[in-house]
Amino acid sequence: MAIMKVIEILANSESSWEDATKKAIKHASKSVKHIKSAFVQSQSVVVNDNEVSEFRVNLKVTFEVK
């Protein structure tokens, strides 16, 4: 039986939601080992002068506790 834990991570990118998600996983993996999955709970953008300036994601990241 495996013991899993879920943490919530907020991340942003100037280019895309996909990039924000990749950045979040890369950064989390520096301190969290055995990441198994990530669920994008929500997506949002920041708008400046009628243009999208930033993409944001809220992730639920699941990892195995050894």
C-alpha atoms as a PDB file:
ATOM      1  CA  MET A   1       0.000   0.000   0.000  1.00  0.00           C
ATOM      2  CA  ALA A   2       1.327   3.447  -0.931  1.00  0.00           C
ATOM      3  CA  ILE A   3       0.757   6.578   1.106  1.00  0.00           C
ATOM      4  CA  MET A   4       0.044   9.618  -1.045  1.00  0.00           C
ATOM      5  CA  LYS A   5      -0.044  13.292  -0.104  1.00  0.00           C
ATOM      6  CA  VAL A   6      -1.580  16.238  -1.974  1.00  0.00           C
ATOM      7  CA  ILE A   7      -0.262  19.788  -1.898  1.00  0.00           C
ATOM      8  CA  GLU A   8      -1.566  22.892  -3.603  1.00  0.00           C
ATOM      9  CA  ILE A   9       0.720  25.012  -5.772  1.00  0.00           C
ATOM     10  CA  LEU A  10       0.119  28.358  -7.453  1.00  0.00           C
ATOM     11  CA  ALA A  11       2.242  29.219 -10.491  1.00  0.00           C
ATOM     12  CA  ASN A  12       2.380  31.795 -13.270  1.00  0.00           C
ATOM     13  CA  SER A  13       3.876  32.326 -16.707  1.00  0.00           C
ATOM     14  CA  GLU A  14       3.956  35.124 -19.235  1.00  0.00           C
ATOM     15  CA  SER A  15       3.486  32.667 -22.137  1.00  0.00           C
ATOM     16  CA  SER A  16       0.851  29.991 -21.325  1.00  0.00           C
ATOM     17  CA  TRP A  17      -0.984  27.869 -18.761  1.00  0.00           C
ATOM     18  CA  GLU A  18       1.028  24.882 -19.942  1.00  0.00           C
ATOM     19  CA  ASP A  19       4.275  26.712 -19.225  1.00  0.00           C
ATOM     20  CA  ALA A  20       3.002  27.744 -15.777  1.00  0.00           C
ATOM     21  CA  THR A  21       2.163  24.100 -15.028  1.00  0.00           C
ATOM     22  CA  LYS A  22       5.585  22.883 -16.157  1.00  0.00           C
ATOM     23  CA  LYS A  23       7.306  25.574 -14.078  1.00  0.00           C
ATOM     24  CA  ALA A  24       5.293  24.566 -11.003  1.00  0.00           C
ATOM     25  CA  ILE A  25       6.234  20.890 -11.304  1.00  0.00           C
ATOM     26  CA  LYS A  26       9.884  21.678 -11.990  1.00  0.00           C
ATOM     27  CA  HIS A  27      10.103  23.985  -8.977  1.00  0.00           C
ATOM     28  CA  ALA A  28       8.200  21.598  -6.670  1.00  0.00           C
ATOM     29  CA  SER A  29      10.407  18.662  -7.665  1.00  0.00           C
ATOM     30  CA  LYS A  30      13.412  20.439  -6.131  1.00  0.00           C
ATOM     31  CA  SER A  31      12.005  19.773  -2.647  1.00  0.00           C
ATOM     32  CA  VAL A  32       9.218  17.218  -3.179  1.00  0.00           C
ATOM     33  CA  LYS A  33      10.229  13.757  -4.366  1.00  0.00           C
ATOM     34  CA  HIS A  34       8.141  11.028  -6.016  1.00  0.00           C
ATOM     35  CA  ILE A  35       5.594  13.345  -7.697  1.00  0.00           C
ATOM     36  CA  LYS A  36       3.004  11.139  -9.383  1.00  0.00           C
ATOM     37  CA  SER A  37       0.411  13.523 -10.840  1.00  0.00           C
ATOM     38  CA  ALA A  38      -0.938  17.062 -10.987  1.00  0.00           C
ATOM     39  CA  PHE A  39      -4.514  18.247 -11.354  1.00  0.00           C
ATOM     40  CA  VAL A  40      -5.088  21.743 -12.728  1.00  0.00           C
ATOM     41  CA  GLN A  41      -7.774  22.963 -10.369  1.00  0.00           C
ATOM     42  CA  SER A  42      -8.183  26.401 -11.937  1.00  0.00           C
ATOM     43  CA  GLN A  43      -6.757  28.738 -14.528  1.00  0.00           C
ATOM     44  CA  SER A  44      -6.839  32.508 -14.667  1.00  0.00           C
ATOM     45  CA  VAL A  45      -5.157  35.424 -16.398  1.00  0.00           C
ATOM     46  CA  VAL A  46      -4.007  38.921 -15.525  1.00  0.00           C
ATOM     47  CA  VAL A  47      -5.098  41.607 -17.977  1.00  0.00           C
ATOM     48  CA  ASN A  48      -3.211  44.878 -18.436  1.00  0.00           C
ATOM     49  CA  ASP A  49      -4.230  47.471 -21.046  1.00  0.00           C
ATOM     50  CA  ASN A  50      -6.716  45.029 -22.594  1.00  0.00           C
ATOM     51  CA  GLU A  51      -3.982  42.405 -23.143  1.00  0.00           C
ATOM     52  CA  VAL A  52      -3.304  39.153 -21.300  1.00  0.00           C
ATOM     53  CA  SER A  53      -0.038  39.708 -19.451  1.00  0.00           C
ATOM     54  CA  GLU A  54       0.152  36.629 -17.241  1.00  0.00           C
ATOM     55  CA  PHE A  55      -1.291  33.105 -17.114  1.00  0.00           C
ATOM     56  CA  ARG A  56      -1.919  31.551 -13.680  1.00  0.00           C
ATOM     57  CA  VAL A  57      -2.672  27.993 -12.593  1.00  0.00           C
ATOM     58  CA  ASN A  58      -3.700  26.469  -9.291  1.00  0.00           C
ATOM     59  CA  LEU A  59      -2.472  22.851  -9.132  1.00  0.00           C
ATOM     60  CA  LYS A  60      -3.090  19.929  -6.802  1.00  0.00           C
ATOM     61  CA  VAL A  61       0.104  17.875  -6.880  1.00  0.00           C
ATOM     62  CA  THR A  62       0.106  14.272  -5.631  1.00  0.00           C
ATOM     63  CA  PHE A  63       3.277  12.584  -4.446  1.00  0.00           C
ATOM     64  CA  GLU A  64       4.165   9.348  -2.709  1.00  0.00           C
ATOM     65  CA  VAL A  65       5.443   9.452   0.849  1.00  0.00           C
ATOM     66  CA  LYS A  66       8.240   6.879   1.262  1.00  0.00           C
END
